C-alpha atoms as a PDB file:
ATOM      1  CA  UNK A   1      -9.430   1.435 -17.754  1.00  0.00           C
ATOM      2  CA  UNK A   2     -10.129  -2.001 -19.158  1.00  0.00           C
ATOM      3  CA  UNK A   3      -9.482  -4.260 -22.092  1.00  0.00           C
ATOM      4  CA  UNK A   4     -10.887  -7.715 -22.830  1.00  0.00           C
ATOM      5  CA  UNK A   5     -10.687  -9.926 -19.766  1.00  0.00           C
ATOM      6  CA  UNK A   6     -10.782 -13.606 -18.978  1.00  0.00           C
ATOM      7  CA  UNK A   7     -12.763 -14.687 -15.943  1.00  0.00           C
ATOM      8  CA  UNK A   8     -11.385 -16.904 -13.177  1.00  0.00           C
ATOM      9  CA  UNK A   9     -12.988 -18.244 -10.005  1.00  0.00           C
ATOM     10  CA  UNK A  10     -11.001 -18.021  -6.806  1.00  0.00           C
ATOM     11  CA  UNK A  11     -11.647 -17.847  -3.097  1.00  0.00           C
ATOM     12  CA  UNK A  12     -12.083 -14.425  -1.539  1.00  0.00           C
ATOM     13  CA  UNK A  13      -9.319 -15.173   0.983  1.00  0.00           C
ATOM     14  CA  UNK A  14      -6.169 -13.269   0.125  1.00  0.00           C
ATOM     15  CA  UNK A  15      -2.772 -14.964  -0.141  1.00  0.00           C
ATOM     16  CA  UNK A  16      -1.367 -12.838   2.632  1.00  0.00           C
ATOM     17  CA  UNK A  17      -3.444 -14.716   5.169  1.00  0.00           C
ATOM     18  CA  UNK A  18      -0.977 -17.584   5.531  1.00  0.00           C
ATOM     19  CA  UNK A  19      -0.703 -18.848   1.965  1.00  0.00           C
ATOM     20  CA  UNK A  20       3.076 -18.873   1.771  1.00  0.00           C
ATOM     21  CA  UNK A  21       4.433 -19.676  -1.670  1.00  0.00           C
ATOM     22  CA  UNK A  22       1.175 -19.253  -3.617  1.00  0.00           C
ATOM     23  CA  UNK A  23       1.510 -16.457  -6.145  1.00  0.00           C
ATOM     24  CA  UNK A  24      -2.224 -15.804  -6.542  1.00  0.00           C
ATOM     25  CA  UNK A  25      -4.025 -13.227  -4.461  1.00  0.00           C
ATOM     26  CA  UNK A  26      -7.008 -15.547  -4.571  1.00  0.00           C
ATOM     27  CA  UNK A  27      -6.685 -19.245  -3.733  1.00  0.00           C
ATOM     28  CA  UNK A  28      -8.812 -22.223  -4.773  1.00  0.00           C
ATOM     29  CA  UNK A  29     -11.965 -22.826  -2.765  1.00  0.00           C
ATOM     30  CA  UNK A  30     -11.264 -24.488   0.573  1.00  0.00           C
ATOM     31  CA  UNK A  31     -12.618 -24.748   4.105  1.00  0.00           C
ATOM     32  CA  UNK A  32     -16.106 -23.871   2.945  1.00  0.00           C
ATOM     33  CA  UNK A  33     -15.132 -20.385   1.775  1.00  0.00           C
ATOM     34  CA  UNK A  34     -17.375 -18.812  -0.818  1.00  0.00           C
ATOM     35  CA  UNK A  35     -15.973 -17.963  -4.216  1.00  0.00           C
ATOM     36  CA  UNK A  36     -15.757 -14.653  -5.984  1.00  0.00           C
ATOM     37  CA  UNK A  37     -15.116 -13.719  -9.593  1.00  0.00           C
ATOM     38  CA  UNK A  38     -11.664 -12.306 -10.274  1.00  0.00           C
ATOM     39  CA  UNK A  39     -10.820 -10.953 -13.684  1.00  0.00           C
ATOM     40  CA  UNK A  40      -7.510 -11.117 -15.506  1.00  0.00           C
ATOM     41  CA  UNK A  41      -6.819  -8.296 -17.945  1.00  0.00           C
ATOM     42  CA  UNK A  42      -5.860  -9.638 -21.363  1.00  0.00           C
ATOM     43  CA  UNK A  43      -2.754  -7.444 -21.339  1.00  0.00           C
ATOM     44  CA  UNK A  44      -1.416  -9.594 -18.498  1.00  0.00           C
ATOM     45  CA  UNK A  45      -1.349 -12.747 -20.593  1.00  0.00           C
ATOM     46  CA  UNK A  46       2.119 -11.961 -21.960  1.00  0.00           C
ATOM     47  CA  UNK A  47       3.550 -11.828 -18.450  1.00  0.00           C
ATOM     48  CA  UNK A  48       4.351 -14.340 -15.711  1.00  0.00           C
ATOM     49  CA  UNK A  49       1.670 -16.119 -13.698  1.00  0.00           C
ATOM     50  CA  UNK A  50       1.866 -13.532 -10.908  1.00  0.00           C
ATOM     51  CA  UNK A  51       0.825 -10.734 -13.266  1.00  0.00           C
ATOM     52  CA  UNK A  52      -2.401 -12.520 -14.128  1.00  0.00           C
ATOM     53  CA  UNK A  53      -3.943 -12.438 -10.656  1.00  0.00           C
ATOM     54  CA  UNK A  54      -1.890 -10.427  -8.171  1.00  0.00           C
ATOM     55  CA  UNK A  55      -3.610  -7.160  -7.432  1.00  0.00           C
ATOM     56  CA  UNK A  56      -0.476  -5.030  -7.121  1.00  0.00           C
ATOM     57  CA  UNK A  57       0.293  -5.457 -10.828  1.00  0.00           C
ATOM     58  CA  UNK A  58      -0.585  -2.705 -13.293  1.00  0.00           C
ATOM     59  CA  UNK A  59      -1.382  -3.488 -16.907  1.00  0.00           C
ATOM     60  CA  UNK A  60       1.745  -4.704 -18.665  1.00  0.00           C
ATOM     61  CA  UNK A  61       3.293  -2.743 -21.478  1.00  0.00           C
ATOM     62  CA  UNK A  62       2.771  -4.477 -24.783  1.00  0.00           C
ATOM     63  CA  UNK A  63       6.140  -3.284 -26.101  1.00  0.00           C
ATOM     64  CA  UNK A  64       8.330  -6.166 -27.255  1.00  0.00           C
ATOM     65  CA  UNK A  65      11.259  -4.552 -25.418  1.00  0.00           C
ATOM     66  CA  UNK A  66       9.560  -4.882 -22.013  1.00  0.00           C
ATOM     67  CA  UNK A  67       9.947  -7.813 -19.626  1.00  0.00           C
ATOM     68  CA  UNK A  68       8.462  -8.476 -16.199  1.00  0.00           C
ATOM     69  CA  UNK A  69      10.951  -9.639 -13.567  1.00  0.00           C
ATOM     70  CA  UNK A  70       9.707 -11.325 -10.373  1.00  0.00           C
ATOM     71  CA  UNK A  71      12.035 -11.605  -7.392  1.00  0.00           C
ATOM     72  CA  UNK A  72      11.349 -14.254  -4.753  1.00  0.00           C
ATOM     73  CA  UNK A  73      12.876 -14.236  -1.287  1.00  0.00           C
ATOM     74  CA  UNK A  74      12.381 -15.334   2.295  1.00  0.00           C
ATOM     75  CA  UNK A  75      10.032 -12.564   3.435  1.00  0.00           C
ATOM     76  CA  UNK A  76      10.210 -13.273   7.154  1.00  0.00           C
ATOM     77  CA  UNK A  77      13.257 -15.043   8.558  1.00  0.00           C
ATOM     78  CA  UNK A  78      11.472 -15.998  11.786  1.00  0.00           C
ATOM     79  CA  UNK A  79       8.593 -17.803  10.086  1.00  0.00           C
ATOM     80  CA  UNK A  80      10.654 -18.745   7.001  1.00  0.00           C
ATOM     81  CA  UNK A  81       7.791 -17.602   4.785  1.00  0.00           C
ATOM     82  CA  UNK A  82       8.951 -17.386   1.184  1.00  0.00           C
ATOM     83  CA  UNK A  83       7.143 -15.586  -1.601  1.00  0.00           C
ATOM     84  CA  UNK A  84       7.226 -12.744  -4.091  1.00  0.00           C
ATOM     85  CA  UNK A  85       9.448  -9.989  -2.734  1.00  0.00           C
ATOM     86  CA  UNK A  86       8.689  -7.563  -5.540  1.00  0.00           C
ATOM     87  CA  UNK A  87       8.199  -7.405  -9.292  1.00  0.00           C
ATOM     88  CA  UNK A  88       9.221  -4.870 -11.903  1.00  0.00           C
ATOM     89  CA  UNK A  89       8.842  -4.126 -15.587  1.00  0.00           C
ATOM     90  CA  UNK A  90      12.165  -3.580 -17.324  1.00  0.00           C
ATOM     91  CA  UNK A  91      12.429  -1.967 -20.754  1.00  0.00           C
ATOM     92  CA  UNK A  92      15.504  -3.363 -22.498  1.00  0.00           C
ATOM     93  CA  UNK A  93      15.541  -0.585 -25.105  1.00  0.00           C
ATOM     94  CA  UNK A  94      15.130   2.295 -22.659  1.00  0.00           C
ATOM     95  CA  UNK A  95      17.384   0.541 -20.128  1.00  0.00           C
ATOM     96  CA  UNK A  96      15.021   1.588 -17.380  1.00  0.00           C
ATOM     97  CA  UNK A  97      12.425   0.280 -14.942  1.00  0.00           C
ATOM     98  CA  UNK A  98       8.868   1.339 -15.748  1.00  0.00           C
ATOM     99  CA  UNK A  99       7.393   0.352 -12.379  1.00  0.00           C
ATOM    100  CA  UNK A 100       8.013  -1.710  -9.255  1.00  0.00           C
ATOM    101  CA  UNK A 101       5.093  -3.403  -7.496  1.00  0.00           C
ATOM    102  CA  UNK A 102       4.808  -5.333  -4.257  1.00  0.00           C
ATOM    103  CA  UNK A 103       2.596  -6.198  -1.284  1.00  0.00           C
ATOM    104  CA  UNK A 104       2.929  -5.207   2.351  1.00  0.00           C
ATOM    105  CA  UNK A 105       1.297  -7.289   5.065  1.00  0.00           C
ATOM    106  CA  UNK A 106       2.120  -8.901   8.392  1.00  0.00           C
ATOM    107  CA  UNK A 107       5.033 -11.047   7.169  1.00  0.00           C
ATOM    108  CA  UNK A 108       6.714  -8.270   5.207  1.00  0.00           C
ATOM    109  CA  UNK A 109       6.124  -5.707   7.961  1.00  0.00           C
ATOM    110  CA  UNK A 110       8.333  -7.635  10.398  1.00  0.00           C
ATOM    111  CA  UNK A 111      11.661  -6.150  11.513  1.00  0.00           C
ATOM    112  CA  UNK A 112      14.194  -8.994  11.600  1.00  0.00           C
ATOM    113  CA  UNK A 113      16.973  -7.150   9.790  1.00  0.00           C
ATOM    114  CA  UNK A 114      18.422  -3.646   9.720  1.00  0.00           C
ATOM    115  CA  UNK A 115      20.028  -1.643   6.945  1.00  0.00           C
ATOM    116  CA  UNK A 116      22.858  -0.920   9.379  1.00  0.00           C
ATOM    117  CA  UNK A 117      23.607  -4.659   9.658  1.00  0.00           C
ATOM    118  CA  UNK A 118      25.367  -4.712   6.294  1.00  0.00           C
ATOM    119  CA  UNK A 119      29.022  -5.005   7.256  1.00  0.00           C
ATOM    120  CA  UNK A 120      30.403  -3.143   4.246  1.00  0.00           C
ATOM    121  CA  UNK A 121      27.669  -0.561   3.884  1.00  0.00           C
ATOM    122  CA  UNK A 122      24.722  -0.615   1.506  1.00  0.00           C
ATOM    123  CA  UNK A 123      25.047  -3.733  -0.717  1.00  0.00           C
ATOM    124  CA  UNK A 124      24.411  -2.101  -4.111  1.00  0.00           C
ATOM    125  CA  UNK A 125      24.271  -4.849  -6.706  1.00  0.00           C
ATOM    126  CA  UNK A 126      23.193  -5.665 -10.233  1.00  0.00           C
ATOM    127  CA  UNK A 127      19.907  -7.435 -10.837  1.00  0.00           C
ATOM    128  CA  UNK A 128      20.854 -10.995 -11.847  1.00  0.00           C
ATOM    129  CA  UNK A 129      17.818 -11.250 -14.134  1.00  0.00           C
ATOM    130  CA  UNK A 130      18.709  -8.234 -16.301  1.00  0.00           C
ATOM    131  CA  UNK A 131      21.837  -7.901 -18.459  1.00  0.00           C
ATOM    132  CA  UNK A 132      24.411  -5.975 -16.431  1.00  0.00           C
ATOM    133  CA  UNK A 133      25.336  -3.753 -19.376  1.00  0.00           C
ATOM    134  CA  UNK A 134      21.771  -2.389 -19.399  1.00  0.00           C
ATOM    135  CA  UNK A 135      21.884  -1.306 -15.750  1.00  0.00           C
ATOM    136  CA  UNK A 136      23.258   1.781 -14.040  1.00  0.00           C
ATOM    137  CA  UNK A 137      26.706   1.286 -12.552  1.00  0.00           C
ATOM    138  CA  UNK A 138      26.596   0.481  -8.858  1.00  0.00           C
ATOM    139  CA  UNK A 139      29.120   3.117  -7.762  1.00  0.00           C
ATOM    140  CA  UNK A 140      30.353   5.281 -10.633  1.00  0.00           C
ATOM    141  CA  UNK A 141      27.015   6.070 -12.270  1.00  0.00           C
ATOM    142  CA  UNK A 142      25.393   7.832  -9.316  1.00  0.00           C
ATOM    143  CA  UNK A 143      27.225   9.558  -6.516  1.00  0.00           C
ATOM    144  CA  UNK A 144      26.614  11.662  -3.413  1.00  0.00           C
ATOM    145  CA  UNK A 145      30.058  13.236  -3.682  1.00  0.00           C
ATOM    146  CA  UNK A 146      28.951  15.845  -6.198  1.00  0.00           C
ATOM    147  CA  UNK A 147      26.143  18.411  -5.835  1.00  0.00           C
ATOM    148  CA  UNK A 148      22.944  16.504  -6.732  1.00  0.00           C
ATOM    149  CA  UNK A 149      21.458  19.267  -8.864  1.00  0.00           C
ATOM    150  CA  UNK A 150      18.763  18.693 -11.444  1.00  0.00           C
ATOM    151  CA  UNK A 151      21.146  19.622 -14.282  1.00  0.00           C
ATOM    152  CA  UNK A 152      24.022  17.549 -12.933  1.00  0.00           C
ATOM    153  CA  UNK A 153      25.146  14.169 -14.221  1.00  0.00           C
ATOM    154  CA  UNK A 154      25.358  13.006 -10.599  1.00  0.00           C
ATOM    155  CA  UNK A 155      22.397  11.901  -8.525  1.00  0.00           C
ATOM    156  CA  UNK A 156      21.696   9.959  -5.374  1.00  0.00           C
ATOM    157  CA  UNK A 157      20.543   6.380  -5.507  1.00  0.00           C
ATOM    158  CA  UNK A 158      16.807   6.489  -4.806  1.00  0.00           C
ATOM    159  CA  UNK A 159      14.986   3.283  -3.854  1.00  0.00           C
ATOM    160  CA  UNK A 160      11.593   2.538  -5.359  1.00  0.00           C
ATOM    161  CA  UNK A 161      10.798  -0.375  -3.057  1.00  0.00           C
ATOM    162  CA  UNK A 162      12.289   1.196   0.058  1.00  0.00           C
ATOM    163  CA  UNK A 163      14.912  -0.712   2.011  1.00  0.00           C
ATOM    164  CA  UNK A 164      12.833  -0.044   5.139  1.00  0.00           C
ATOM    165  CA  UNK A 165       9.849  -1.806   3.523  1.00  0.00           C
ATOM    166  CA  UNK A 166      11.740  -5.103   3.471  1.00  0.00           C
ATOM    167  CA  UNK A 167      13.282  -5.759   6.878  1.00  0.00           C
ATOM    168  CA  UNK A 168      11.742  -9.201   7.320  1.00  0.00           C
ATOM    169  CA  UNK A 169      14.921 -10.943   6.211  1.00  0.00           C
ATOM    170  CA  UNK A 170      18.430 -10.249   4.990  1.00  0.00           C
ATOM    171  CA  UNK A 171      17.623 -11.761   1.598  1.00  0.00           C
ATOM    172  CA  UNK A 172      14.523  -9.612   1.052  1.00  0.00           C
ATOM    173  CA  UNK A 173      16.367  -6.475   2.125  1.00  0.00           C
ATOM    174  CA  UNK A 174      19.353  -7.253  -0.070  1.00  0.00           C
ATOM    175  CA  UNK A 175      17.222  -7.467  -3.192  1.00  0.00           C
ATOM    176  CA  UNK A 176      16.062  -3.865  -2.702  1.00  0.00           C
ATOM    177  CA  UNK A 177      19.622  -2.781  -3.585  1.00  0.00           C
ATOM    178  CA  UNK A 178      19.430  -4.181  -7.122  1.00  0.00           C
ATOM    179  CA  UNK A 179      20.024  -1.356  -9.584  1.00  0.00           C
ATOM    180  CA  UNK A 180      16.718  -2.110 -11.308  1.00  0.00           C
ATOM    181  CA  UNK A 181      15.049  -0.913  -8.075  1.00  0.00           C
ATOM    182  CA  UNK A 182      17.104   2.297  -8.038  1.00  0.00           C
ATOM    183  CA  UNK A 183      16.353   5.586  -9.796  1.00  0.00           C
ATOM    184  CA  UNK A 184      18.558   8.672 -10.025  1.00  0.00           C
ATOM    185  CA  UNK A 185      17.116  11.213  -7.572  1.00  0.00           C
ATOM    186  CA  UNK A 186      18.166  14.684  -6.514  1.00  0.00           C
ATOM    187  CA  UNK A 187      18.895  14.985  -2.816  1.00  0.00           C
ATOM    188  CA  UNK A 188      15.993  17.065  -1.513  1.00  0.00           C
ATOM    189  CA  UNK A 189      13.515  14.927  -3.429  1.00  0.00           C
ATOM    190  CA  UNK A 190      14.980  11.674  -2.108  1.00  0.00           C
ATOM    191  CA  UNK A 191      15.081  12.786   1.536  1.00  0.00           C
ATOM    192  CA  UNK A 192      12.078  15.120   1.292  1.00  0.00           C
ATOM    193  CA  UNK A 193       8.646  14.361  -0.154  1.00  0.00           C
ATOM    194  CA  UNK A 194       9.633  10.872  -1.369  1.00  0.00           C
ATOM    195  CA  UNK A 195      10.930   9.835   2.061  1.00  0.00           C
ATOM    196  CA  UNK A 196       7.868  11.363   3.743  1.00  0.00           C
ATOM    197  CA  UNK A 197       5.553   9.339   1.547  1.00  0.00           C
ATOM    198  CA  UNK A 198       7.616   6.187   2.115  1.00  0.00           C
ATOM    199  CA  UNK A 199       7.031   6.613   5.831  1.00  0.00           C
ATOM    200  CA  UNK A 200       3.312   7.084   5.331  1.00  0.00           C
ATOM    201  CA  UNK A 201       3.201   3.945   3.173  1.00  0.00           C
ATOM    202  CA  UNK A 202       4.622   1.927   6.065  1.00  0.00           C
ATOM    203  CA  UNK A 203       2.032   3.411   8.412  1.00  0.00           C
ATOM    204  CA  UNK A 204      -0.806   2.609   6.008  1.00  0.00           C
ATOM    205  CA  UNK A 205       0.537  -0.932   5.579  1.00  0.00           C
ATOM    206  CA  UNK A 206       0.229  -1.545   9.308  1.00  0.00           C
ATOM    207  CA  UNK A 207      -3.332  -0.211   9.221  1.00  0.00           C
ATOM    208  CA  UNK A 208      -4.314  -2.571   6.364  1.00  0.00           C
ATOM    209  CA  UNK A 209      -4.673  -6.302   6.027  1.00  0.00           C
ATOM    210  CA  UNK A 210      -2.756  -5.851   2.791  1.00  0.00           C
ATOM    211  CA  UNK A 211      -1.384  -2.774   1.077  1.00  0.00           C
ATOM    212  CA  UNK A 212      -0.747  -3.207  -2.641  1.00  0.00           C
ATOM    213  CA  UNK A 213       1.883  -0.800  -3.932  1.00  0.00           C
ATOM    214  CA  UNK A 214       3.013   0.239  -7.409  1.00  0.00           C
ATOM    215  CA  UNK A 215       5.705   2.935  -7.694  1.00  0.00           C
ATOM    216  CA  UNK A 216       8.020   4.281 -10.334  1.00  0.00           C
ATOM    217  CA  UNK A 217       9.212   7.150 -12.478  1.00  0.00           C
ATOM    218  CA  UNK A 218       8.076   8.401 -15.873  1.00  0.00           C
ATOM    219  CA  UNK A 219      10.204   6.985 -18.707  1.00  0.00           C
ATOM    220  CA  UNK A 220       7.896   6.763 -21.738  1.00  0.00           C
ATOM    221  CA  UNK A 221       7.486  10.350 -22.891  1.00  0.00           C
ATOM    222  CA  UNK A 222      10.177  12.922 -23.653  1.00  0.00           C
ATOM    223  CA  UNK A 223       8.242  15.688 -21.911  1.00  0.00           C
ATOM    224  CA  UNK A 224       8.265  13.581 -18.732  1.00  0.00           C
ATOM    225  CA  UNK A 225      11.998  12.889 -18.740  1.00  0.00           C
ATOM    226  CA  UNK A 226      14.182  15.317 -16.795  1.00  0.00           C
ATOM    227  CA  UNK A 227      17.451  14.262 -18.375  1.00  0.00           C
ATOM    228  CA  UNK A 228      20.039  11.505 -18.452  1.00  0.00           C
ATOM    229  CA  UNK A 229      22.885  10.368 -16.238  1.00  0.00           C
ATOM    230  CA  UNK A 230      26.463  10.335 -17.482  1.00  0.00           C
ATOM    231  CA  UNK A 231      25.843   6.684 -18.408  1.00  0.00           C
ATOM    232  CA  UNK A 232      22.846   7.760 -20.527  1.00  0.00           C
ATOM    233  CA  UNK A 233      20.193   6.399 -18.173  1.00  0.00           C
ATOM    234  CA  UNK A 234      16.827   8.137 -17.853  1.00  0.00           C
ATOM    235  CA  UNK A 235      16.210  10.582 -15.025  1.00  0.00           C
ATOM    236  CA  UNK A 236      12.401  10.768 -14.613  1.00  0.00           C
ATOM    237  CA  UNK A 237      10.735  14.177 -14.406  1.00  0.00           C
ATOM    238  CA  UNK A 238       7.945  12.730 -12.262  1.00  0.00           C
ATOM    239  CA  UNK A 239       7.681   9.957  -9.694  1.00  0.00           C
ATOM    240  CA  UNK A 240       4.427   8.295  -8.687  1.00  0.00           C
ATOM    241  CA  UNK A 241       2.853   5.955  -6.174  1.00  0.00           C
ATOM    242  CA  UNK A 242      -0.393   3.998  -6.568  1.00  0.00           C
ATOM    243  CA  UNK A 243      -1.714   2.389  -3.383  1.00  0.00           C
ATOM    244  CA  UNK A 244      -4.570  -0.053  -2.827  1.00  0.00           C
ATOM    245  CA  UNK A 245      -5.511  -0.871   0.756  1.00  0.00           C
ATOM    246  CA  UNK A 246      -7.626  -3.852   1.796  1.00  0.00           C
ATOM    247  CA  UNK A 247      -8.981  -3.983   5.332  1.00  0.00           C
ATOM    248  CA  UNK A 248     -11.565  -6.693   5.893  1.00  0.00           C
ATOM    249  CA  UNK A 249     -14.066  -6.329   3.056  1.00  0.00           C
ATOM    250  CA  UNK A 250     -13.193  -2.673   2.439  1.00  0.00           C
ATOM    251  CA  UNK A 251     -10.887  -1.463  -0.299  1.00  0.00           C
ATOM    252  CA  UNK A 252      -9.645   2.031  -1.016  1.00  0.00           C
ATOM    253  CA  UNK A 253      -7.039   3.421  -3.393  1.00  0.00           C
ATOM    254  CA  UNK A 254      -5.041   6.611  -3.771  1.00  0.00           C
ATOM    255  CA  UNK A 255      -2.348   7.967  -6.073  1.00  0.00           C
ATOM    256  CA  UNK A 256       0.475  10.468  -5.721  1.00  0.00           C
ATOM    257  CA  UNK A 257       2.441  12.302  -8.392  1.00  0.00           C
ATOM    258  CA  UNK A 258       5.523  14.356  -7.532  1.00  0.00           C
ATOM    259  CA  UNK A 259       7.651  16.415  -9.867  1.00  0.00           C
ATOM    260  CA  UNK A 260      11.349  15.622  -9.551  1.00  0.00           C
ATOM    261  CA  UNK A 261      12.523  18.908  -8.047  1.00  0.00           C
ATOM    262  CA  UNK A 262      15.114  19.890  -5.433  1.00  0.00           C
ATOM    263  CA  UNK A 263      13.325  22.213  -2.961  1.00  0.00           C
ATOM    264  CA  UNK A 264      13.852  22.115   0.777  1.00  0.00           C
ATOM    265  CA  UNK A 265      10.164  22.670   1.564  1.00  0.00           C
ATOM    266  CA  UNK A 266       7.611  20.384  -0.073  1.00  0.00           C
ATOM    267  CA  UNK A 267       4.523  21.343   1.893  1.00  0.00           C
ATOM    268  CA  UNK A 268       1.841  18.820   2.905  1.00  0.00           C
ATOM    269  CA  UNK A 269       1.699  15.562   0.952  1.00  0.00           C
ATOM    270  CA  UNK A 270      -2.030  16.104   0.416  1.00  0.00           C
ATOM    271  CA  UNK A 271      -1.011  18.510  -2.341  1.00  0.00           C
ATOM    272  CA  UNK A 272       0.319  15.601  -4.394  1.00  0.00           C
ATOM    273  CA  UNK A 273      -2.656  13.265  -3.949  1.00  0.00           C
ATOM    274  CA  UNK A 274      -5.075  12.351  -6.694  1.00  0.00           C
ATOM    275  CA  UNK A 275      -7.417   9.521  -7.500  1.00  0.00           C
ATOM    276  CA  UNK A 276      -6.121   6.550  -9.471  1.00  0.00           C
ATOM    277  CA  UNK A 277      -8.004   7.503 -12.616  1.00  0.00           C
ATOM    278  CA  UNK A 278      -6.207  10.849 -12.722  1.00  0.00           C
ATOM    279  CA  UNK A 279      -2.841   9.219 -12.013  1.00  0.00           C
ATOM    280  CA  UNK A 280      -3.457   6.828 -14.896  1.00  0.00           C
ATOM    281  CA  UNK A 281      -4.008   9.752 -17.261  1.00  0.00           C
ATOM    282  CA  UNK A 282      -0.809  11.425 -16.053  1.00  0.00           C
ATOM    283  CA  UNK A 283       1.430   8.353 -16.231  1.00  0.00           C
ATOM    284  CA  UNK A 284      -0.154   6.308 -19.021  1.00  0.00           C
ATOM    285  CA  UNK A 285      -0.227   3.261 -16.715  1.00  0.00           C
ATOM    286  CA  UNK A 286      -3.411   1.332 -15.883  1.00  0.00           C
ATOM    287  CA  UNK A 287      -3.129   0.422 -12.192  1.00  0.00           C
ATOM    288  CA  UNK A 288      -4.859  -2.462 -10.365  1.00  0.00           C
ATOM    289  CA  UNK A 289      -6.244  -3.796 -13.631  1.00  0.00           C
ATOM    290  CA  UNK A 290      -6.913  -7.278 -12.199  1.00  0.00           C
ATOM    291  CA  UNK A 291      -9.709  -5.972  -9.994  1.00  0.00           C
ATOM    292  CA  UNK A 292     -13.261  -6.709 -11.117  1.00  0.00           C
ATOM    293  CA  UNK A 293     -14.549  -3.805 -13.237  1.00  0.00           C
ATOM    294  CA  UNK A 294     -17.140  -2.570 -10.777  1.00  0.00           C
ATOM    295  CA  UNK A 295     -14.682  -2.548  -7.870  1.00  0.00           C
ATOM    296  CA  UNK A 296     -11.979  -0.858  -9.920  1.00  0.00           C
ATOM    297  CA  UNK A 297     -14.290   1.832 -11.234  1.00  0.00           C
ATOM    298  CA  UNK A 298     -15.641   2.579  -7.766  1.00  0.00           C
ATOM    299  CA  UNK A 299     -12.345   2.963  -5.927  1.00  0.00           C
ATOM    300  CA  UNK A 300     -10.421   4.696  -8.713  1.00  0.00           C
ATOM    301  CA  UNK A 301     -12.780   7.638  -9.211  1.00  0.00           C
ATOM    302  CA  UNK A 302     -13.218   8.919  -5.642  1.00  0.00           C
ATOM    303  CA  UNK A 303     -12.931  12.706  -5.384  1.00  0.00           C
ATOM    304  CA  UNK A 304      -9.542  13.901  -4.147  1.00  0.00           C
ATOM    305  CA  UNK A 305     -11.122  15.769  -1.246  1.00  0.00           C
ATOM    306  CA  UNK A 306     -12.681  12.526  -0.054  1.00  0.00           C
ATOM    307  CA  UNK A 307      -9.373  10.686  -0.450  1.00  0.00           C
ATOM    308  CA  UNK A 308      -7.662  13.227   1.778  1.00  0.00           C
ATOM    309  CA  UNK A 309     -10.265  12.443   4.444  1.00  0.00           C
ATOM    310  CA  UNK A 310     -10.204   8.671   3.937  1.00  0.00           C
ATOM    311  CA  UNK A 311      -6.398   8.444   4.083  1.00  0.00           C
ATOM    312  CA  UNK A 312      -6.078  11.066   6.856  1.00  0.00           C
ATOM    313  CA  UNK A 313      -3.666  13.262   4.900  1.00  0.00           C
END
């Protein structure tokens, strides 16, 4: 889906190929590289510079209560590469994260840190860029000590950007424990289909030059909200993933939508796959809107049966 766009000229070389601190996915012409037209969706103009050109970003909400937060970190402690760790859209009225987006590539795929290295256990923390009183409590809001049932006020802390997706440095890993990156999840969802898909995302990242990821839970419609925590924070009824893989000159995209249930058997993940166009209809979010129109339309409308083949589900 598109709105009015502005046109920019950038190089076809992606930032992940050694561009360090640059926020753009496309860099100015250099070393004789040819240029390509990259479009910026007009809805991105209210956001930070990263939202105007980075391909992982969906279209920004135009609600005055929404704000895009960008977290920078050292992505790889061995190379000292610093860049965007992840970004999110926070709704100050709903007190909830609409989506989290990020890139996975060689630097971020490195394993220089381990979740088990934290001396005092998982370092749950408040996001310094969001008022603390809008965020879930780090320990009392969500708990594993009570049965994590769908009708309970207690849930597990479920990562959106997985801790295991950011092991390149201690700093990058630590930021994944911000409460703006955490949703209330029932146990068998968190350790079941969601964890299975998280593992597949890491596999696909290693098979791509870059994997662009946008994930989140549904917060904008009452019929897509499961309930509320004891602190009155939204528990999404559905969780989603939108993935865009670039390998050489080839791009492909796939979406997943999972209902927030608590079964012990989820079946094959192919049952939750759909093309991006369908996921957009189901979530109300326009993914990968900074792609040129023809590219976006081509990769977002592939039949689900073909996606299952292309992504080896």
